[in-house]
Amino acid sequence: RNGKVGVLATARTLKGEKFLQLRTQISEATR
């Protein structure tokens, strides 16, 4: 509702190129 999303994951997941690309893509699309 406020555009702030917490992501709980392993360090490996959060550093992964695939995850970071997905984050950027969805951030740009949804703010």
Full PDB file with SEQRES, HELIX, SHEET, SSBOND, CRYST1, ORIGX, SCALE, CONECT and MASTER records, all heavy atoms in Angstrom:
SEQRES   1 A   31  ARG ASN GLY LYS VAL GLY VAL LEU ALA THR ALA ARG THR          
SEQRES   2 A   31  LEU LYS GLY GLU LYS PHE LEU GLN LEU ARG THR GLN ILE          
SEQRES   3 A   31  SER GLU ALA THR ARG                                          
HELIX    1 AA1 ALA A   11  LYS A   15  1                                   5    
HELIX    2 AA2 GLU A   17  THR A   30  1                                  14    
CRYST1    1.000    1.000    1.000  90.00  90.00  90.00 P 1           1          
ORIGX1      1.000000  0.000000  0.000000        0.00000                         
ORIGX2      0.000000  1.000000  0.000000        0.00000                         
ORIGX3      0.000000  0.000000  1.000000        0.00000                         
SCALE1      1.000000  0.000000  0.000000        0.00000                         
SCALE2      0.000000  1.000000  0.000000        0.00000                         
SCALE3      0.000000  0.000000  1.000000        0.00000                         
ATOM      1  N   ARG A   1       0.825  -1.211   0.000  1.00  0.00           N  
ATOM      2  CA  ARG A   1       0.000   0.000   0.000  1.00  0.00           C  
ATOM      3  C   ARG A   1       0.858   1.260   0.000  1.00  0.00           C  
ATOM      4  O   ARG A   1       0.442   2.308  -0.501  1.00  0.00           O  
ATOM      5  CB  ARG A   1      -0.929  -0.009   1.222  1.00  0.00           C  
ATOM      6  CG  ARG A   1      -1.875  -1.205   1.246  1.00  0.00           C  
ATOM      7  CD  ARG A   1      -2.686  -1.286   2.520  1.00  0.00           C  
ATOM      8  NE  ARG A   1      -1.854  -1.460   3.708  1.00  0.00           N  
ATOM      9  CZ  ARG A   1      -1.309  -2.607   4.087  1.00  0.00           C  
ATOM     10  NH1 ARG A   1      -1.492  -3.696   3.355  1.00  0.00           N  
ATOM     11  NH2 ARG A   1      -0.569  -2.682   5.184  1.00  0.00           N  
ATOM     12  N   ASN A   2       2.064   1.167   0.587  1.00  0.00           N  
ATOM     13  CA  ASN A   2       2.920   2.359   0.664  1.00  0.00           C  
ATOM     14  C   ASN A   2       4.176   2.270  -0.211  1.00  0.00           C  
ATOM     15  O   ASN A   2       5.011   3.166  -0.195  1.00  0.00           O  
ATOM     16  CB  ASN A   2       3.321   2.642   2.110  1.00  0.00           C  
ATOM     17  CG  ASN A   2       4.240   1.566   2.692  1.00  0.00           C  
ATOM     18  OD1 ASN A   2       4.652   0.641   1.991  1.00  0.00           O  
ATOM     19  ND2 ASN A   2       4.567   1.678   3.964  1.00  0.00           N  
ATOM     20  N   GLY A   3       4.314   1.153  -0.963  1.00  0.00           N  
ATOM     21  CA  GLY A   3       5.437   1.024  -1.884  1.00  0.00           C  
ATOM     22  C   GLY A   3       6.737   0.600  -1.241  1.00  0.00           C  
ATOM     23  O   GLY A   3       7.780   0.586  -1.900  1.00  0.00           O  
ATOM     24  N   LYS A   4       6.690   0.206   0.057  1.00  0.00           N  
ATOM     25  CA  LYS A   4       7.895  -0.255   0.731  1.00  0.00           C  
ATOM     26  C   LYS A   4       7.772  -1.747   1.026  1.00  0.00           C  
ATOM     27  O   LYS A   4       6.913  -2.173   1.803  1.00  0.00           O  
ATOM     28  CB  LYS A   4       8.128   0.533   2.016  1.00  0.00           C  
ATOM     29  CG  LYS A   4       8.474   1.988   1.772  1.00  0.00           C  
ATOM     30  CD  LYS A   4       8.874   2.696   3.053  1.00  0.00           C  
ATOM     31  CE  LYS A   4       9.298   4.137   2.767  1.00  0.00           C  
ATOM     32  NZ  LYS A   4       9.761   4.828   3.985  1.00  0.00           N  
ATOM     33  N   VAL A   5       8.656  -2.516   0.389  1.00  0.00           N  
ATOM     34  CA  VAL A   5       8.596  -3.978   0.465  1.00  0.00           C  
ATOM     35  C   VAL A   5       9.873  -4.522   1.088  1.00  0.00           C  
ATOM     36  O   VAL A   5      10.969  -4.260   0.583  1.00  0.00           O  
ATOM     37  CB  VAL A   5       8.410  -4.591  -0.940  1.00  0.00           C  
ATOM     38  CG1 VAL A   5       8.434  -6.111  -0.870  1.00  0.00           C  
ATOM     39  CG2 VAL A   5       7.111  -4.097  -1.565  1.00  0.00           C  
ATOM     40  N   GLY A   6       9.753  -5.258   2.171  1.00  0.00           N  
ATOM     41  CA  GLY A   6      10.896  -5.924   2.778  1.00  0.00           C  
ATOM     42  C   GLY A   6      11.133  -7.272   2.124  1.00  0.00           C  
ATOM     43  O   GLY A   6      10.178  -7.987   1.834  1.00  0.00           O  
ATOM     44  N   VAL A   7      12.389  -7.597   1.883  1.00  0.00           N  
ATOM     45  CA  VAL A   7      12.736  -8.870   1.265  1.00  0.00           C  
ATOM     46  C   VAL A   7      13.677  -9.622   2.199  1.00  0.00           C  
ATOM     47  O   VAL A   7      14.818  -9.204   2.428  1.00  0.00           O  
ATOM     48  CB  VAL A   7      13.408  -8.690  -0.106  1.00  0.00           C  
ATOM     49  CG1 VAL A   7      13.680 -10.052  -0.752  1.00  0.00           C  
ATOM     50  CG2 VAL A   7      12.540  -7.827  -1.016  1.00  0.00           C  
ATOM     51  N   LEU A   8      13.194 -10.727   2.724  1.00  0.00           N  
ATOM     52  CA  LEU A   8      13.971 -11.582   3.626  1.00  0.00           C  
ATOM     53  C   LEU A   8      14.491 -12.755   2.801  1.00  0.00           C  
ATOM     54  O   LEU A   8      13.705 -13.507   2.222  1.00  0.00           O  
ATOM     55  CB  LEU A   8      13.061 -12.082   4.750  1.00  0.00           C  
ATOM     56  CG  LEU A   8      13.671 -12.564   6.066  1.00  0.00           C  
ATOM     57  CD1 LEU A   8      14.387 -11.423   6.768  1.00  0.00           C  
ATOM     58  CD2 LEU A   8      12.579 -13.144   6.951  1.00  0.00           C  
ATOM     59  N   ALA A   9      15.813 -12.905   2.704  1.00  0.00           N  
ATOM     60  CA  ALA A   9      16.374 -13.963   1.860  1.00  0.00           C  
ATOM     61  C   ALA A   9      17.793 -14.277   2.311  1.00  0.00           C  
ATOM     62  O   ALA A   9      18.332 -13.626   3.207  1.00  0.00           O  
ATOM     63  CB  ALA A   9      16.364 -13.533   0.389  1.00  0.00           C  
ATOM     64  N   THR A  10      18.407 -15.269   1.679  1.00  0.00           N  
ATOM     65  CA  THR A  10      19.803 -15.572   1.967  1.00  0.00           C  
ATOM     66  C   THR A  10      20.695 -14.524   1.315  1.00  0.00           C  
ATOM     67  O   THR A  10      20.306 -13.862   0.342  1.00  0.00           O  
ATOM     68  CB  THR A  10      20.207 -16.962   1.443  1.00  0.00           C  
ATOM     69  OG1 THR A  10      20.173 -16.951   0.008  1.00  0.00           O  
ATOM     70  CG2 THR A  10      19.275 -18.050   1.967  1.00  0.00           C  
ATOM     71  N   ALA A  11      21.899 -14.398   1.832  1.00  0.00           N  
ATOM     72  CA  ALA A  11      22.843 -13.436   1.264  1.00  0.00           C  
ATOM     73  C   ALA A  11      23.136 -13.755  -0.196  1.00  0.00           C  
ATOM     74  O   ALA A  11      23.247 -12.851  -1.039  1.00  0.00           O  
ATOM     75  CB  ALA A  11      24.140 -13.430   2.084  1.00  0.00           C  
ATOM     76  N   ARG A  12      23.253 -15.056  -0.523  1.00  0.00           N  
ATOM     77  CA  ARG A  12      23.536 -15.459  -1.899  1.00  0.00           C  
ATOM     78  C   ARG A  12      22.419 -15.031  -2.837  1.00  0.00           C  
ATOM     79  O   ARG A  12      22.663 -14.532  -3.938  1.00  0.00           O  
ATOM     80  CB  ARG A  12      23.747 -16.977  -1.959  1.00  0.00           C  
ATOM     81  CG  ARG A  12      23.844 -17.584  -3.356  1.00  0.00           C  
ATOM     82  CD  ARG A  12      24.946 -16.995  -4.193  1.00  0.00           C  
ATOM     83  NE  ARG A  12      26.242 -17.097  -3.559  1.00  0.00           N  
ATOM     84  CZ  ARG A  12      27.315 -16.432  -3.946  1.00  0.00           C  
ATOM     85  NH1 ARG A  12      27.223 -15.577  -4.957  1.00  0.00           N  
ATOM     86  NH2 ARG A  12      28.456 -16.582  -3.338  1.00  0.00           N  
ATOM     87  N   THR A  13      21.172 -15.192  -2.432  1.00  0.00           N  
ATOM     88  CA  THR A  13      20.044 -14.772  -3.266  1.00  0.00           C  
ATOM     89  C   THR A  13      20.088 -13.275  -3.515  1.00  0.00           C  
ATOM     90  O   THR A  13      19.945 -12.806  -4.653  1.00  0.00           O  
ATOM     91  CB  THR A  13      18.708 -15.145  -2.600  1.00  0.00           C  
ATOM     92  OG1 THR A  13      18.570 -16.575  -2.587  1.00  0.00           O  
ATOM     93  CG2 THR A  13      17.527 -14.557  -3.360  1.00  0.00           C  
ATOM     94  N   LEU A  14      20.315 -12.504  -2.475  1.00  0.00           N  
ATOM     95  CA  LEU A  14      20.256 -11.051  -2.588  1.00  0.00           C  
ATOM     96  C   LEU A  14      21.418 -10.467  -3.386  1.00  0.00           C  
ATOM     97  O   LEU A  14      21.319  -9.354  -3.891  1.00  0.00           O  
ATOM     98  CB  LEU A  14      20.213 -10.416  -1.194  1.00  0.00           C  
ATOM     99  CG  LEU A  14      18.986 -10.764  -0.349  1.00  0.00           C  
ATOM    100  CD1 LEU A  14      19.056 -10.084   1.002  1.00  0.00           C  
ATOM    101  CD2 LEU A  14      17.697 -10.377  -1.070  1.00  0.00           C  
ATOM    102  N   LYS A  15      22.507 -11.222  -3.514  1.00  0.00           N  
ATOM    103  CA  LYS A  15      23.650 -10.767  -4.300  1.00  0.00           C  
ATOM    104  C   LYS A  15      23.588 -11.240  -5.745  1.00  0.00           C  
ATOM    105  O   LYS A  15      24.383 -10.806  -6.586  1.00  0.00           O  
ATOM    106  CB  LYS A  15      24.960 -11.285  -3.683  1.00  0.00           C  
ATOM    107  CG  LYS A  15      25.309 -10.683  -2.330  1.00  0.00           C  
ATOM    108  CD  LYS A  15      26.569 -11.334  -1.777  1.00  0.00           C  
ATOM    109  CE  LYS A  15      26.922 -10.827  -0.396  1.00  0.00           C  
ATOM    110  NZ  LYS A  15      28.078 -11.558   0.185  1.00  0.00           N  
ATOM    111  N   GLY A  16      22.663 -12.151  -6.047  1.00  0.00           N  
ATOM    112  CA  GLY A  16      22.621 -12.769  -7.369  1.00  0.00           C  
ATOM    113  C   GLY A  16      22.221 -11.804  -8.476  1.00  0.00           C  
ATOM    114  O   GLY A  16      21.347 -10.949  -8.294  1.00  0.00           O  
ATOM    115  N   GLU A  17      22.855 -11.948  -9.615  1.00  0.00           N  
ATOM    116  CA  GLU A  17      22.578 -11.073 -10.761  1.00  0.00           C  
ATOM    117  C   GLU A  17      21.125 -11.165 -11.189  1.00  0.00           C  
ATOM    118  O   GLU A  17      20.480 -10.156 -11.493  1.00  0.00           O  
ATOM    119  CB  GLU A  17      23.500 -11.447 -11.931  1.00  0.00           C  
ATOM    120  CG  GLU A  17      23.306 -10.592 -13.170  1.00  0.00           C  
ATOM    121  CD  GLU A  17      24.198 -11.021 -14.316  1.00  0.00           C  
ATOM    122  OE1 GLU A  17      25.033 -11.922 -14.122  1.00  0.00           O  
ATOM    123  OE2 GLU A  17      24.052 -10.448 -15.409  1.00  0.00           O  
ATOM    124  N   LYS A  18      20.581 -12.386 -11.181  1.00  0.00           N  
ATOM    125  CA  LYS A  18      19.187 -12.590 -11.595  1.00  0.00           C  
ATOM    126  C   LYS A  18      18.235 -11.833 -10.674  1.00  0.00           C  
ATOM    127  O   LYS A  18      17.306 -11.159 -11.135  1.00  0.00           O  
ATOM    128  CB  LYS A  18      18.866 -14.092 -11.566  1.00  0.00           C  
ATOM    129  CG  LYS A  18      17.457 -14.462 -12.006  1.00  0.00           C  
ATOM    130  CD  LYS A  18      17.278 -15.978 -11.924  1.00  0.00           C  
ATOM    131  CE  LYS A  18      15.856 -16.396 -12.208  1.00  0.00           C  
ATOM    132  NZ  LYS A  18      15.492 -16.183 -13.615  1.00  0.00           N  
ATOM    133  N   PHE A  19      18.496 -11.907  -9.359  1.00  0.00           N  
ATOM    134  CA  PHE A  19      17.645 -11.202  -8.408  1.00  0.00           C  
ATOM    135  C   PHE A  19      17.763  -9.695  -8.578  1.00  0.00           C  
ATOM    136  O   PHE A  19      16.757  -8.967  -8.585  1.00  0.00           O  
ATOM    137  CB  PHE A  19      18.001 -11.577  -6.967  1.00  0.00           C  
ATOM    138  CG  PHE A  19      17.333 -10.706  -5.942  1.00  0.00           C  
ATOM    139  CD1 PHE A  19      16.016 -10.924  -5.584  1.00  0.00           C  
ATOM    140  CD2 PHE A  19      18.009  -9.629  -5.379  1.00  0.00           C  
ATOM    141  CE1 PHE A  19      15.382 -10.091  -4.664  1.00  0.00           C  
ATOM    142  CE2 PHE A  19      17.391  -8.796  -4.460  1.00  0.00           C  
ATOM    143  CZ  PHE A  19      16.072  -9.039  -4.110  1.00  0.00           C  
ATOM    144  N   LEU A  20      18.982  -9.199  -8.717  1.00  0.00           N  
ATOM    145  CA  LEU A  20      19.191  -7.757  -8.811  1.00  0.00           C  
ATOM    146  C   LEU A  20      18.555  -7.183 -10.080  1.00  0.00           C  
ATOM    147  O   LEU A  20      18.017  -6.072 -10.071  1.00  0.00           O  
ATOM    148  CB  LEU A  20      20.690  -7.444  -8.759  1.00  0.00           C  
ATOM    149  CG  LEU A  20      21.362  -7.771  -7.416  1.00  0.00           C  
ATOM    150  CD1 LEU A  20      22.866  -7.579  -7.510  1.00  0.00           C  
ATOM    151  CD2 LEU A  20      20.778  -6.920  -6.297  1.00  0.00           C  
ATOM    152  N   GLN A  21      18.604  -7.947 -11.168  1.00  0.00           N  
ATOM    153  CA  GLN A  21      17.946  -7.514 -12.401  1.00  0.00           C  
ATOM    154  C   GLN A  21      16.441  -7.448 -12.209  1.00  0.00           C  
ATOM    155  O   GLN A  21      15.777  -6.503 -12.663  1.00  0.00           O  
ATOM    156  CB  GLN A  21      18.295  -8.461 -13.548  1.00  0.00           C  
ATOM    157  CG  GLN A  21      19.730  -8.342 -14.040  1.00  0.00           C  
ATOM    158  CD  GLN A  21      20.065  -9.361 -15.114  1.00  0.00           C  
ATOM    159  OE1 GLN A  21      19.333 -10.337 -15.328  1.00  0.00           O  
ATOM    160  NE2 GLN A  21      21.187  -9.148 -15.800  1.00  0.00           N  
ATOM    161  N   LEU A  22      15.900  -8.464 -11.513  1.00  0.00           N  
ATOM    162  CA  LEU A  22      14.463  -8.495 -11.265  1.00  0.00           C  
ATOM    163  C   LEU A  22      14.048  -7.314 -10.392  1.00  0.00           C  
ATOM    164  O   LEU A  22      13.034  -6.655 -10.652  1.00  0.00           O  
ATOM    165  CB  LEU A  22      14.089  -9.817 -10.583  1.00  0.00           C  
ATOM    166  CG  LEU A  22      12.612 -10.022 -10.253  1.00  0.00           C  
ATOM    167  CD1 LEU A  22      11.800 -10.133 -11.528  1.00  0.00           C  
ATOM    168  CD2 LEU A  22      12.431 -11.288  -9.408  1.00  0.00           C  
ATOM    169  N   ARG A  23      14.840  -7.033  -9.364  1.00  0.00           N  
ATOM    170  CA  ARG A  23      14.528  -5.901  -8.484  1.00  0.00           C  
ATOM    171  C   ARG A  23      14.493  -4.591  -9.271  1.00  0.00           C  
ATOM    172  O   ARG A  23      13.559  -3.782  -9.123  1.00  0.00           O  
ATOM    173  CB  ARG A  23      15.564  -5.802  -7.366  1.00  0.00           C  
ATOM    174  CG  ARG A  23      15.291  -4.647  -6.409  1.00  0.00           C  
ATOM    175  CD  ARG A  23      16.439  -4.391  -5.466  1.00  0.00           C  
ATOM    176  NE  ARG A  23      17.658  -3.983  -6.167  1.00  0.00           N  
ATOM    177  CZ  ARG A  23      18.754  -3.548  -5.569  1.00  0.00           C  
ATOM    178  NH1 ARG A  23      18.799  -3.474  -4.236  1.00  0.00           N  
ATOM    179  NH2 ARG A  23      19.827  -3.200  -6.258  1.00  0.00           N  
ATOM    180  N   THR A  24      15.511  -4.373 -10.098  1.00  0.00           N  
ATOM    181  CA  THR A  24      15.568  -3.147 -10.884  1.00  0.00           C  
ATOM    182  C   THR A  24      14.379  -3.032 -11.826  1.00  0.00           C  
ATOM    183  O   THR A  24      13.742  -1.971 -11.928  1.00  0.00           O  
ATOM    184  CB  THR A  24      16.884  -3.101 -11.695  1.00  0.00           C  
ATOM    185  OG1 THR A  24      17.987  -3.120 -10.791  1.00  0.00           O  
ATOM    186  CG2 THR A  24      16.949  -1.852 -12.554  1.00  0.00           C  
ATOM    187  N   GLN A  25      14.071  -4.120 -12.489  1.00  0.00           N  
ATOM    188  CA  GLN A  25      12.968  -4.136 -13.453  1.00  0.00           C  
ATOM    189  C   GLN A  25      11.631  -3.786 -12.775  1.00  0.00           C  
ATOM    190  O   GLN A  25      10.879  -2.939 -13.273  1.00  0.00           O  
ATOM    191  CB  GLN A  25      12.880  -5.521 -14.094  1.00  0.00           C  
ATOM    192  CG  GLN A  25      11.693  -5.733 -15.010  1.00  0.00           C  
ATOM    193  CD  GLN A  25      11.560  -7.192 -15.431  1.00  0.00           C  
ATOM    194  OE1 GLN A  25      12.506  -7.963 -15.342  1.00  0.00           O  
ATOM    195  NE2 GLN A  25      10.375  -7.573 -15.866  1.00  0.00           N  
ATOM    196  N   ILE A  26      11.372  -4.412 -11.630  1.00  0.00           N  
ATOM    197  CA  ILE A  26      10.081  -4.194 -10.977  1.00  0.00           C  
ATOM    198  C   ILE A  26      10.045  -2.835 -10.287  1.00  0.00           C  
ATOM    199  O   ILE A  26       9.001  -2.171 -10.249  1.00  0.00           O  
ATOM    200  CB  ILE A  26       9.775  -5.349  -9.998  1.00  0.00           C  
ATOM    201  CG1 ILE A  26       9.628  -6.645 -10.804  1.00  0.00           C  
ATOM    202  CG2 ILE A  26       8.516  -5.075  -9.188  1.00  0.00           C  
ATOM    203  CD1 ILE A  26       9.449  -7.877  -9.977  1.00  0.00           C  
ATOM    204  N   SER A  27      11.179  -2.384  -9.760  1.00  0.00           N  
ATOM    205  CA  SER A  27      11.239  -1.047  -9.158  1.00  0.00           C  
ATOM    206  C   SER A  27      10.911   0.025 -10.185  1.00  0.00           C  
ATOM    207  O   SER A  27      10.155   0.969  -9.911  1.00  0.00           O  
ATOM    208  CB  SER A  27      12.626  -0.784  -8.572  1.00  0.00           C  
ATOM    209  OG  SER A  27      12.874  -1.562  -7.439  1.00  0.00           O  
ATOM    210  N   GLU A  28      11.482  -0.121 -11.375  1.00  0.00           N  
ATOM    211  CA  GLU A  28      11.240   0.864 -12.422  1.00  0.00           C  
ATOM    212  C   GLU A  28       9.791   0.842 -12.900  1.00  0.00           C  
ATOM    213  O   GLU A  28       9.217   1.879 -13.223  1.00  0.00           O  
ATOM    214  CB  GLU A  28      12.191   0.615 -13.597  1.00  0.00           C  
ATOM    215  CG  GLU A  28      13.650   0.920 -13.270  1.00  0.00           C  
ATOM    216  CD  GLU A  28      14.591   0.571 -14.405  1.00  0.00           C  
ATOM    217  OE1 GLU A  28      14.135  -0.078 -15.370  1.00  0.00           O  
ATOM    218  OE2 GLU A  28      15.785   0.945 -14.326  1.00  0.00           O  
ATOM    219  N   ALA A  29       9.208  -0.361 -12.908  1.00  0.00           N  
ATOM    220  CA  ALA A  29       7.838  -0.497 -13.410  1.00  0.00           C  
ATOM    221  C   ALA A  29       6.793  -0.059 -12.385  1.00  0.00           C  
ATOM    222  O   ALA A  29       5.716   0.428 -12.766  1.00  0.00           O  
ATOM    223  CB  ALA A  29       7.577  -1.937 -13.829  1.00  0.00           C  
ATOM    224  N   THR A  30       7.104  -0.228 -11.103  1.00  0.00           N  
ATOM    225  CA  THR A  30       6.079  -0.002 -10.069  1.00  0.00           C  
ATOM    226  C   THR A  30       6.403   1.127  -9.100  1.00  0.00           C  
ATOM    227  O   THR A  30       5.550   1.508  -8.296  1.00  0.00           O  
ATOM    228  CB  THR A  30       5.882  -1.282  -9.240  1.00  0.00           C  
ATOM    229  OG1 THR A  30       7.083  -1.552  -8.501  1.00  0.00           O  
ATOM    230  CG2 THR A  30       5.546  -2.476 -10.130  1.00  0.00           C  
ATOM    231  N   ARG A  31       7.651   1.625  -9.131  1.00  0.00           N  
ATOM    232  CA  ARG A  31       8.139   2.620  -8.179  1.00  0.00           C  
ATOM    233  C   ARG A  31       8.269   2.055  -6.761  1.00  0.00           C  
ATOM    234  O   ARG A  31       8.445   2.822  -5.809  1.00  0.00           O  
ATOM    235  CB  ARG A  31       7.221   3.860  -8.147  1.00  0.00           C  
ATOM    236  CG  ARG A  31       7.016   4.540  -9.488  1.00  0.00           C  
ATOM    237  CD  ARG A  31       8.206   5.412  -9.830  1.00  0.00           C  
ATOM    238  NE  ARG A  31       8.025   6.096 -11.117  1.00  0.00           N  
ATOM    239  CZ  ARG A  31       7.515   7.299 -11.238  1.00  0.00           C  
ATOM    240  NH1 ARG A  31       7.129   7.958 -10.164  1.00  0.00           N  
ATOM    241  NH2 ARG A  31       7.407   7.861 -12.433  1.00  0.00           N  
TER     242      ARG A  31                                                      
MASTER        0    0    0    2    0    0    0    6  241    1    0    3          
END                                                                             
